[in-house]
Amino acid sequence: MAKVLVVTSGKGGVGKTTSTAALGAALAQSGQSVVVVDFDVGLRNLDLVLGAERRVVYDLINVVQGDAKLSQALIRDKRLDNMHLLPASQTRDKDALTAEGVARVVGELREKFDWVICDSPAGIERGATLAMRHADAAVVVTNPEVSSVRDSDRIIGLLDSKTERAERGELMEKHLLLTRYDPIRAGRGEMLKTEDVIEILSIPLLGIIPESPEVLRASNVGSPVTLSDPSSPPARAYCDAARRLKGEQVEMTVPSDRKGFFAGLFGRRVA
C-alpha cells in the first residue's frame, strides 16, 4: 500500500513542481515504485519538467470522469521504469475534478505504487485542498522569504483542518523543504536563515536545496536534477531529502561545490 505525499506551497514559483519531480525521481532511483500526479489543472508543468509533454494522451480528469482507464493515462518515465506520471488536464474546467473521482483514483494508485506524490497547485483554492485531501504526509516547499514563509503557514493550517486525517482527529505528518537557499546571502541578512524559517513554521526540516543554476538547467531539458546531474549540490540535497522521507537518518547539510565552505550543519528537528 502506497504512502500518499502531497507537495504543496502557499506561494507559486518556489520550486514545488521541480521538487515533486526531483523527490519522485530520487525515490525511484533508490528502488521504490513512484507515481507523480499533477493536480494543477489548466496550468500543468510536471509533464514538461519530466520531458513527457508530447506523450500526454489522457489525463487526470479523463480518469476521474471515466473517459479513460488509469492504465491508459499513466506515462512511464523514459529513464526510470519504476516511475510514472499522471498528468493534469491543460484545458478542462477545474470543476471537473470531483472529490469522489479524486478519492477513487488515489485509491487505485495506492494499490499499484510505493509512493503517490501529488503536485498541488499553489495557494488555498479547491485544487490545492483536493490534492492534500487523501495525503498521509505533506512536504511544504518554501523560499527563505517572509512572504513565502507566511503563505506556507496558511497551508499548514489547511493540512491540519481540511484533510481526511484531520477529520479523523489524526496528525498530518509535515515536512519543510527550504529551496533556493544561499548561506552567504542569509549571513548578510538578505534572506531568512534556516533557523528563522523553522522557528516560524515549527515543522521538521526535510532538506535545504541550495540556489543553483543546475535546477533551471535540468527543468529546461525536461529532466529531474537528480537524473541530469546527480553530483550537483541540489541533486545531492534532493536525494538526502528522499532518504529522510523513507525514515533514514541523514545528516542535515547544505551541499555545495565548495567543500567545507557552505556545508553548515543543522541539527534541529530533522525529519
C-alpha atoms as a PDB file:
ATOM      1  CA  MET A   1       0.000   0.000   0.000  1.00  0.00           C
ATOM      2  CA  ALA A   2       1.440   3.348  -1.048  1.00  0.00           C
ATOM      3  CA  LYS A   3       2.256   6.326   1.063  1.00  0.00           C
ATOM      4  CA  VAL A   4       0.459   9.369  -0.351  1.00  0.00           C
ATOM      5  CA  LEU A   5       2.554  12.523  -0.193  1.00  0.00           C
ATOM      6  CA  VAL A   6       1.370  15.999  -1.183  1.00  0.00           C
ATOM      7  CA  VAL A   7       3.972  18.572  -2.227  1.00  0.00           C
ATOM      8  CA  THR A   8       2.442  21.952  -1.552  1.00  0.00           C
ATOM      9  CA  SER A   9       3.195  25.631  -1.042  1.00  0.00           C
ATOM     10  CA  GLY A  10       1.362  28.814  -0.239  1.00  0.00           C
ATOM     11  CA  LYS A  11       3.054  30.794  -2.974  1.00  0.00           C
ATOM     12  CA  GLY A  12       3.801  29.968  -6.597  1.00  0.00           C
ATOM     13  CA  GLY A  13       7.300  29.966  -8.039  1.00  0.00           C
ATOM     14  CA  VAL A  14       9.043  28.426  -5.032  1.00  0.00           C
ATOM     15  CA  GLY A  15      10.091  25.226  -6.836  1.00  0.00           C
ATOM     16  CA  LYS A  16       7.196  22.964  -5.882  1.00  0.00           C
ATOM     17  CA  THR A  17       6.863  21.151  -9.211  1.00  0.00           C
ATOM     18  CA  THR A  18      10.637  20.899  -9.597  1.00  0.00           C
ATOM     19  CA  SER A  19      10.781  19.422  -6.102  1.00  0.00           C
ATOM     20  CA  THR A  20       7.980  16.957  -6.890  1.00  0.00           C
ATOM     21  CA  ALA A  21       9.906  15.662  -9.911  1.00  0.00           C
ATOM     22  CA  ALA A  22      13.252  15.544  -8.089  1.00  0.00           C
ATOM     23  CA  LEU A  23      11.904  13.782  -4.986  1.00  0.00           C
ATOM     24  CA  GLY A  24       9.944  11.329  -7.138  1.00  0.00           C
ATOM     25  CA  ALA A  25      12.999  10.525  -9.240  1.00  0.00           C
ATOM     26  CA  ALA A  26      15.237  10.209  -6.181  1.00  0.00           C
ATOM     27  CA  LEU A  27      12.820   7.724  -4.587  1.00  0.00           C
ATOM     28  CA  ALA A  28      12.595   5.777  -7.855  1.00  0.00           C
ATOM     29  CA  GLN A  29      16.396   5.765  -8.175  1.00  0.00           C
ATOM     30  CA  SER A  30      16.504   4.116  -4.736  1.00  0.00           C
ATOM     31  CA  GLY A  31      14.277   1.274  -5.999  1.00  0.00           C
ATOM     32  CA  GLN A  32      10.840   2.486  -4.916  1.00  0.00           C
ATOM     33  CA  SER A  33       7.891   2.450  -7.332  1.00  0.00           C
ATOM     34  CA  VAL A  34       6.607   6.003  -7.708  1.00  0.00           C
ATOM     35  CA  VAL A  35       3.784   7.867  -9.422  1.00  0.00           C
ATOM     36  CA  VAL A  36       3.767  11.666  -9.541  1.00  0.00           C
ATOM     37  CA  VAL A  37       0.321  13.213 -10.044  1.00  0.00           C
ATOM     38  CA  ASP A  38      -0.151  16.725 -11.407  1.00  0.00           C
ATOM     39  CA  PHE A  39      -3.170  18.404  -9.756  1.00  0.00           C
ATOM     40  CA  ASP A  40      -2.563  21.812 -11.333  1.00  0.00           C
ATOM     41  CA  VAL A  41      -5.460  21.687 -13.800  1.00  0.00           C
ATOM     42  CA  GLY A  42      -5.094  24.267 -16.558  1.00  0.00           C
ATOM     43  CA  LEU A  43      -1.504  25.128 -15.612  1.00  0.00           C
ATOM     44  CA  ARG A  44       0.257  21.785 -15.753  1.00  0.00           C
ATOM     45  CA  ASN A  45       4.062  21.794 -15.810  1.00  0.00           C
ATOM     46  CA  LEU A  46       5.069  18.458 -14.325  1.00  0.00           C
ATOM     47  CA  ASP A  47       4.985  16.824 -17.769  1.00  0.00           C
ATOM     48  CA  LEU A  48       7.422  19.486 -19.032  1.00  0.00           C
ATOM     49  CA  VAL A  49       9.792  19.082 -16.088  1.00  0.00           C
ATOM     50  CA  LEU A  50       9.834  15.323 -16.740  1.00  0.00           C
ATOM     51  CA  GLY A  51      10.202  15.680 -20.506  1.00  0.00           C
ATOM     52  CA  ALA A  52       6.898  13.885 -21.182  1.00  0.00           C
ATOM     53  CA  GLU A  53       4.800  16.717 -22.630  1.00  0.00           C
ATOM     54  CA  ARG A  54       4.485  15.116 -26.084  1.00  0.00           C
ATOM     55  CA  ARG A  55       3.381  11.771 -24.656  1.00  0.00           C
ATOM     56  CA  VAL A  56       0.234  13.007 -22.899  1.00  0.00           C
ATOM     57  CA  VAL A  57      -2.895  11.416 -24.400  1.00  0.00           C
ATOM     58  CA  TYR A  58      -5.196  11.074 -21.390  1.00  0.00           C
ATOM     59  CA  ASP A  59      -5.012  12.952 -18.096  1.00  0.00           C
ATOM     60  CA  LEU A  60      -6.251  13.010 -14.517  1.00  0.00           C
ATOM     61  CA  ILE A  61      -9.646  14.483 -15.397  1.00  0.00           C
ATOM     62  CA  ASN A  62     -10.210  11.866 -18.124  1.00  0.00           C
ATOM     63  CA  VAL A  63      -9.687   9.177 -15.489  1.00  0.00           C
ATOM     64  CA  VAL A  64     -11.765  10.972 -12.842  1.00  0.00           C
ATOM     65  CA  GLN A  65     -14.671  11.278 -15.282  1.00  0.00           C
ATOM     66  CA  GLY A  66     -14.369   7.694 -16.510  1.00  0.00           C
ATOM     67  CA  ASP A  67     -13.365   8.648 -20.071  1.00  0.00           C
ATOM     68  CA  ALA A  68     -10.136   6.646 -19.751  1.00  0.00           C
ATOM     69  CA  LYS A  69      -8.763   3.894 -17.556  1.00  0.00           C
ATOM     70  CA  LEU A  70      -5.946   4.701 -15.166  1.00  0.00           C
ATOM     71  CA  SER A  71      -3.591   2.435 -17.114  1.00  0.00           C
ATOM     72  CA  GLN A  72      -4.267   4.473 -20.272  1.00  0.00           C
ATOM     73  CA  ALA A  73      -3.347   7.770 -18.646  1.00  0.00           C
ATOM     74  CA  LEU A  74      -0.211   6.715 -16.769  1.00  0.00           C
ATOM     75  CA  ILE A  75       3.027   7.624 -18.574  1.00  0.00           C
ATOM     76  CA  ARG A  76       6.107   5.545 -17.788  1.00  0.00           C
ATOM     77  CA  ASP A  77       9.276   7.613 -17.407  1.00  0.00           C
ATOM     78  CA  LYS A  78      11.770   7.139 -20.248  1.00  0.00           C
ATOM     79  CA  ARG A  79      14.727   6.795 -17.856  1.00  0.00           C
ATOM     80  CA  LEU A  80      13.205   5.060 -14.840  1.00  0.00           C
ATOM     81  CA  ASP A  81      10.938   2.050 -15.397  1.00  0.00           C
ATOM     82  CA  ASN A  82       9.560   2.310 -11.852  1.00  0.00           C
ATOM     83  CA  MET A  83       8.394   5.933 -12.137  1.00  0.00           C
ATOM     84  CA  HIS A  84       5.133   7.078 -13.759  1.00  0.00           C
ATOM     85  CA  LEU A  85       3.378  10.379 -14.374  1.00  0.00           C
ATOM     86  CA  LEU A  86      -0.366  11.057 -14.209  1.00  0.00           C
ATOM     87  CA  PRO A  87      -0.634  14.435 -15.951  1.00  0.00           C
ATOM     88  CA  ALA A  88      -3.163  17.186 -15.333  1.00  0.00           C
ATOM     89  CA  SER A  89      -5.510  18.485 -17.978  1.00  0.00           C
ATOM     90  CA  GLN A  90      -4.333  21.601 -19.772  1.00  0.00           C
ATOM     91  CA  THR A  91      -7.643  22.934 -20.952  1.00  0.00           C
ATOM     92  CA  ARG A  92     -10.514  21.422 -18.975  1.00  0.00           C
ATOM     93  CA  ASP A  93     -12.704  23.167 -16.414  1.00  0.00           C
ATOM     94  CA  LYS A  94     -11.184  22.886 -12.913  1.00  0.00           C
ATOM     95  CA  ASP A  95     -14.621  21.969 -11.528  1.00  0.00           C
ATOM     96  CA  ALA A  96     -14.378  18.720 -13.499  1.00  0.00           C
ATOM     97  CA  LEU A  97     -12.036  17.455 -10.779  1.00  0.00           C
ATOM     98  CA  THR A  98     -14.579  15.993  -8.356  1.00  0.00           C
ATOM     99  CA  ALA A  99     -13.909  14.920  -4.774  1.00  0.00           C
ATOM    100  CA  GLU A 100     -15.420  11.469  -5.409  1.00  0.00           C
ATOM    101  CA  GLY A 101     -13.385  10.945  -8.559  1.00  0.00           C
ATOM    102  CA  VAL A 102     -10.127  12.002  -6.888  1.00  0.00           C
ATOM    103  CA  ALA A 103     -10.791   9.621  -3.976  1.00  0.00           C
ATOM    104  CA  ARG A 104     -11.306   6.724  -6.409  1.00  0.00           C
ATOM    105  CA  VAL A 105      -8.163   7.469  -8.433  1.00  0.00           C
ATOM    106  CA  VAL A 106      -5.963   7.913  -5.348  1.00  0.00           C
ATOM    107  CA  GLY A 107      -7.340   4.625  -4.003  1.00  0.00           C
ATOM    108  CA  GLU A 108      -6.377   2.835  -7.237  1.00  0.00           C
ATOM    109  CA  LEU A 109      -2.900   4.391  -7.215  1.00  0.00           C
ATOM    110  CA  ARG A 110      -2.355   3.277  -3.606  1.00  0.00           C
ATOM    111  CA  GLU A 111      -2.678  -0.326  -4.781  1.00  0.00           C
ATOM    112  CA  LYS A 112      -0.079   0.000  -7.544  1.00  0.00           C
ATOM    113  CA  PHE A 113       2.837   2.023  -6.143  1.00  0.00           C
ATOM    114  CA  ASP A 114       5.035   2.519  -3.087  1.00  0.00           C
ATOM    115  CA  TRP A 115       4.691   6.300  -3.300  1.00  0.00           C
ATOM    116  CA  VAL A 116       1.926   8.512  -4.689  1.00  0.00           C
ATOM    117  CA  ILE A 117       3.298  12.071  -4.879  1.00  0.00           C
ATOM    118  CA  CYS A 118       0.677  14.758  -5.554  1.00  0.00           C
ATOM    119  CA  ASP A 119       1.929  18.044  -7.028  1.00  0.00           C
ATOM    120  CA  SER A 120      -0.546  20.561  -5.632  1.00  0.00           C
ATOM    121  CA  PRO A 121      -1.436  23.914  -7.169  1.00  0.00           C
ATOM    122  CA  ALA A 122      -0.041  26.790  -5.099  1.00  0.00           C
ATOM    123  CA  GLY A 123      -2.367  28.546  -2.692  1.00  0.00           C
ATOM    124  CA  ILE A 124      -5.528  27.565  -0.874  1.00  0.00           C
ATOM    125  CA  GLU A 125      -8.030  27.104  -3.693  1.00  0.00           C
ATOM    126  CA  ARG A 126     -10.111  23.988  -4.358  1.00  0.00           C
ATOM    127  CA  GLY A 127      -7.438  22.217  -6.405  1.00  0.00           C
ATOM    128  CA  ALA A 128      -4.992  22.503  -3.519  1.00  0.00           C
ATOM    129  CA  THR A 129      -7.456  21.090  -0.989  1.00  0.00           C
ATOM    130  CA  LEU A 130      -8.260  18.170  -3.327  1.00  0.00           C
ATOM    131  CA  ALA A 131      -4.543  17.428  -3.765  1.00  0.00           C
ATOM    132  CA  MET A 132      -3.953  17.263   0.003  1.00  0.00           C
ATOM    133  CA  ARG A 133      -7.261  15.599   0.880  1.00  0.00           C
ATOM    134  CA  HIS A 134      -6.044  11.972   0.967  1.00  0.00           C
ATOM    135  CA  ALA A 135      -2.404  12.579   1.883  1.00  0.00           C
ATOM    136  CA  ASP A 136      -0.609  10.672   4.617  1.00  0.00           C
ATOM    137  CA  ALA A 137       2.187  13.252   4.705  1.00  0.00           C
ATOM    138  CA  ALA A 138       2.989  16.676   3.287  1.00  0.00           C
ATOM    139  CA  VAL A 139       6.109  18.435   2.044  1.00  0.00           C
ATOM    140  CA  VAL A 140       5.704  22.198   2.440  1.00  0.00           C
ATOM    141  CA  VAL A 141       8.022  23.953  -0.024  1.00  0.00           C
ATOM    142  CA  THR A 142       9.113  27.484   0.783  1.00  0.00           C
ATOM    143  CA  ASN A 143      11.770  30.033  -0.113  1.00  0.00           C
ATOM    144  CA  PRO A 144      13.650  31.871   2.637  1.00  0.00           C
ATOM    145  CA  GLU A 145      11.495  34.976   2.099  1.00  0.00           C
ATOM    146  CA  VAL A 146       8.993  36.431   4.549  1.00  0.00           C
ATOM    147  CA  SER A 147       6.050  36.362   2.122  1.00  0.00           C
ATOM    148  CA  SER A 148       6.698  32.756   1.108  1.00  0.00           C
ATOM    149  CA  VAL A 149       7.019  31.605   4.711  1.00  0.00           C
ATOM    150  CA  ARG A 150       3.872  33.460   5.752  1.00  0.00           C
ATOM    151  CA  ASP A 151       1.854  31.802   2.968  1.00  0.00           C
ATOM    152  CA  SER A 152       3.275  28.409   3.926  1.00  0.00           C
ATOM    153  CA  ASP A 153       1.928  28.929   7.430  1.00  0.00           C
ATOM    154  CA  ARG A 154      -1.572  29.190   5.926  1.00  0.00           C
ATOM    155  CA  ILE A 155      -1.048  25.909   4.087  1.00  0.00           C
ATOM    156  CA  ILE A 156      -0.063  24.209   7.335  1.00  0.00           C
ATOM    157  CA  GLY A 157      -3.373  25.383   8.770  1.00  0.00           C
ATOM    158  CA  LEU A 158      -5.225  23.750   5.859  1.00  0.00           C
ATOM    159  CA  LEU A 159      -3.304  20.499   6.300  1.00  0.00           C
ATOM    160  CA  ASP A 160      -4.430  20.418   9.920  1.00  0.00           C
ATOM    161  CA  SER A 161      -8.091  21.080   9.105  1.00  0.00           C
ATOM    162  CA  LYS A 162      -9.101  20.038   5.558  1.00  0.00           C
ATOM    163  CA  THR A 163      -7.635  16.561   5.145  1.00  0.00           C
ATOM    164  CA  GLU A 164      -9.081  13.128   5.877  1.00  0.00           C
ATOM    165  CA  ARG A 165      -6.525  12.710   8.643  1.00  0.00           C
ATOM    166  CA  ALA A 166      -7.664  15.954  10.267  1.00  0.00           C
ATOM    167  CA  GLU A 167     -11.287  14.815  10.133  1.00  0.00           C
ATOM    168  CA  ARG A 168     -10.324  11.567  11.873  1.00  0.00           C
ATOM    169  CA  GLY A 169      -8.501  13.543  14.567  1.00  0.00           C
ATOM    170  CA  GLU A 170      -5.111  12.277  13.385  1.00  0.00           C
ATOM    171  CA  LEU A 171      -1.978  14.389  12.998  1.00  0.00           C
ATOM    172  CA  MET A 172      -0.721  15.087   9.498  1.00  0.00           C
ATOM    173  CA  GLU A 173       2.973  14.299   9.079  1.00  0.00           C
ATOM    174  CA  LYS A 174       4.501  17.512   7.717  1.00  0.00           C
ATOM    175  CA  HIS A 175       7.993  18.305   6.425  1.00  0.00           C
ATOM    176  CA  LEU A 176       9.673  21.577   5.495  1.00  0.00           C
ATOM    177  CA  LEU A 177      11.679  21.779   2.260  1.00  0.00           C
ATOM    178  CA  LEU A 178      13.618  25.017   2.006  1.00  0.00           C
ATOM    179  CA  THR A 179      14.515  25.896  -1.582  1.00  0.00           C
ATOM    180  CA  ARG A 180      16.784  28.453  -3.273  1.00  0.00           C
ATOM    181  CA  TYR A 181      18.836  28.858  -0.120  1.00  0.00           C
ATOM    182  CA  ASP A 182      22.077  30.849  -0.223  1.00  0.00           C
ATOM    183  CA  PRO A 183      24.085  30.715   3.035  1.00  0.00           C
ATOM    184  CA  ILE A 184      26.120  33.812   2.130  1.00  0.00           C
ATOM    185  CA  ARG A 185      23.028  35.950   1.496  1.00  0.00           C
ATOM    186  CA  ALA A 186      21.397  34.575   4.619  1.00  0.00           C
ATOM    187  CA  GLY A 187      24.520  35.528   6.569  1.00  0.00           C
ATOM    188  CA  ARG A 188      24.281  39.079   5.189  1.00  0.00           C
ATOM    189  CA  GLY A 189      20.648  39.281   6.258  1.00  0.00           C
ATOM    190  CA  GLU A 190      19.341  39.369   2.676  1.00  0.00           C
ATOM    191  CA  MET A 191      17.134  36.315   3.248  1.00  0.00           C
ATOM    192  CA  LEU A 192      15.837  34.428   6.243  1.00  0.00           C
ATOM    193  CA  LYS A 193      18.155  31.948   7.896  1.00  0.00           C
ATOM    194  CA  THR A 194      17.167  28.308   8.149  1.00  0.00           C
ATOM    195  CA  GLU A 195      16.659  28.637  11.893  1.00  0.00           C
ATOM    196  CA  ASP A 196      14.285  31.572  11.361  1.00  0.00           C
ATOM    197  CA  VAL A 197      12.088  29.601   8.931  1.00  0.00           C
ATOM    198  CA  ILE A 198      11.951  26.603  11.260  1.00  0.00           C
ATOM    199  CA  GLU A 199      11.075  28.871  14.157  1.00  0.00           C
ATOM    200  CA  ILE A 200       8.172  30.446  12.260  1.00  0.00           C
ATOM    201  CA  LEU A 201       6.679  27.293  10.719  1.00  0.00           C
ATOM    202  CA  SER A 202       7.540  24.889  13.530  1.00  0.00           C
ATOM    203  CA  ILE A 203       7.631  21.728  11.401  1.00  0.00           C
ATOM    204  CA  PRO A 204      10.562  19.335  10.916  1.00  0.00           C
ATOM    205  CA  LEU A 205      13.156  20.160   8.283  1.00  0.00           C
ATOM    206  CA  LEU A 206      13.314  17.662   5.402  1.00  0.00           C
ATOM    207  CA  GLY A 207      16.018  19.338   3.342  1.00  0.00           C
ATOM    208  CA  ILE A 208      17.749  22.514   2.217  1.00  0.00           C
ATOM    209  CA  ILE A 209      18.053  22.924  -1.554  1.00  0.00           C
ATOM    210  CA  PRO A 210      20.822  25.392  -2.413  1.00  0.00           C
ATOM    211  CA  GLU A 211      20.345  28.086  -5.033  1.00  0.00           C
ATOM    212  CA  SER A 212      21.881  26.666  -8.207  1.00  0.00           C
ATOM    213  CA  PRO A 213      21.636  27.155 -11.986  1.00  0.00           C
ATOM    214  CA  GLU A 214      21.578  23.347 -12.270  1.00  0.00           C
ATOM    215  CA  VAL A 215      17.911  23.307 -11.181  1.00  0.00           C
ATOM    216  CA  LEU A 216      16.783  25.591 -14.028  1.00  0.00           C
ATOM    217  CA  ARG A 217      19.082  23.833 -16.494  1.00  0.00           C
ATOM    218  CA  ALA A 218      17.550  20.458 -15.610  1.00  0.00           C
ATOM    219  CA  SER A 219      13.984  21.768 -15.986  1.00  0.00           C
ATOM    220  CA  ASN A 220      14.808  23.241 -19.379  1.00  0.00           C
ATOM    221  CA  VAL A 221      15.984  19.861 -20.698  1.00  0.00           C
ATOM    222  CA  GLY A 222      12.984  18.012 -19.232  1.00  0.00           C
ATOM    223  CA  SER A 223      14.817  16.044 -16.570  1.00  0.00           C
ATOM    224  CA  PRO A 224      14.771  15.966 -12.753  1.00  0.00           C
ATOM    225  CA  VAL A 225      18.060  17.362 -11.492  1.00  0.00           C
ATOM    226  CA  THR A 226      18.768  14.069  -9.681  1.00  0.00           C
ATOM    227  CA  LEU A 227      18.985  12.427 -13.112  1.00  0.00           C
ATOM    228  CA  SER A 228      20.519  15.194 -15.228  1.00  0.00           C
ATOM    229  CA  ASP A 229      23.387  15.952 -12.836  1.00  0.00           C
ATOM    230  CA  PRO A 230      23.390  13.560  -9.862  1.00  0.00           C
ATOM    231  CA  SER A 231      26.584  15.009  -8.375  1.00  0.00           C
ATOM    232  CA  SER A 232      25.363  18.613  -8.344  1.00  0.00           C
ATOM    233  CA  PRO A 233      24.579  20.224  -4.954  1.00  0.00           C
ATOM    234  CA  PRO A 234      20.775  20.409  -5.489  1.00  0.00           C
ATOM    235  CA  ALA A 235      20.647  16.781  -6.677  1.00  0.00           C
ATOM    236  CA  ARG A 236      22.513  15.636  -3.569  1.00  0.00           C
ATOM    237  CA  ALA A 237      20.181  17.681  -1.384  1.00  0.00           C
ATOM    238  CA  TYR A 238      17.072  16.139  -3.004  1.00  0.00           C
ATOM    239  CA  CYS A 239      18.491  12.615  -2.669  1.00  0.00           C
ATOM    240  CA  ASP A 240      19.184  13.225   1.019  1.00  0.00           C
ATOM    241  CA  ALA A 241      15.614  14.542   1.458  1.00  0.00           C
ATOM    242  CA  ALA A 242      14.206  11.427  -0.235  1.00  0.00           C
ATOM    243  CA  ARG A 243      16.214   9.220   2.120  1.00  0.00           C
ATOM    244  CA  ARG A 244      14.767  11.111   5.094  1.00  0.00           C
ATOM    245  CA  LEU A 245      11.252  10.558   3.703  1.00  0.00           C
ATOM    246  CA  LYS A 246      11.990   6.829   3.856  1.00  0.00           C
ATOM    247  CA  GLY A 247      12.925   7.189   7.506  1.00  0.00           C
ATOM    248  CA  GLU A 248      16.711   7.115   7.162  1.00  0.00           C
ATOM    249  CA  GLN A 249      18.817   9.252   9.483  1.00  0.00           C
ATOM    250  CA  VAL A 250      20.804  11.589   7.234  1.00  0.00           C
ATOM    251  CA  GLU A 251      22.938  14.458   8.480  1.00  0.00           C
ATOM    252  CA  MET A 252      21.450  17.835   7.519  1.00  0.00           C
ATOM    253  CA  THR A 253      23.820  19.880   5.369  1.00  0.00           C
ATOM    254  CA  VAL A 254      23.692  22.459   2.602  1.00  0.00           C
ATOM    255  CA  PRO A 255      25.507  20.670  -0.252  1.00  0.00           C
ATOM    256  CA  SER A 256      27.984  22.811  -2.146  1.00  0.00           C
ATOM    257  CA  ASP A 257      30.622  22.553  -4.851  1.00  0.00           C
ATOM    258  CA  ARG A 258      32.969  24.276  -2.424  1.00  0.00           C
ATOM    259  CA  LYS A 259      33.564  21.574   0.126  1.00  0.00           C
ATOM    260  CA  GLY A 260      33.766  22.691   3.698  1.00  0.00           C
ATOM    261  CA  PHE A 261      32.626  26.240   3.000  1.00  0.00           C
ATOM    262  CA  PHE A 262      28.833  26.039   2.739  1.00  0.00           C
ATOM    263  CA  ALA A 263      28.435  22.669   4.337  1.00  0.00           C
ATOM    264  CA  GLY A 264      26.927  24.009   7.514  1.00  0.00           C
ATOM    265  CA  LEU A 265      25.229  21.568   9.815  1.00  0.00           C
ATOM    266  CA  PHE A 266      21.713  21.981  11.063  1.00  0.00           C
ATOM    267  CA  GLY A 267      20.910  19.733  13.955  1.00  0.00           C
ATOM    268  CA  ARG A 268      17.373  20.938  14.670  1.00  0.00           C
ATOM    269  CA  ARG A 269      14.271  18.870  14.108  1.00  0.00           C
ATOM    270  CA  VAL A 270      15.421  16.961  11.087  1.00  0.00           C
ATOM    271  CA  ALA A 271      12.571  14.883   9.633  1.00  0.00           C
END
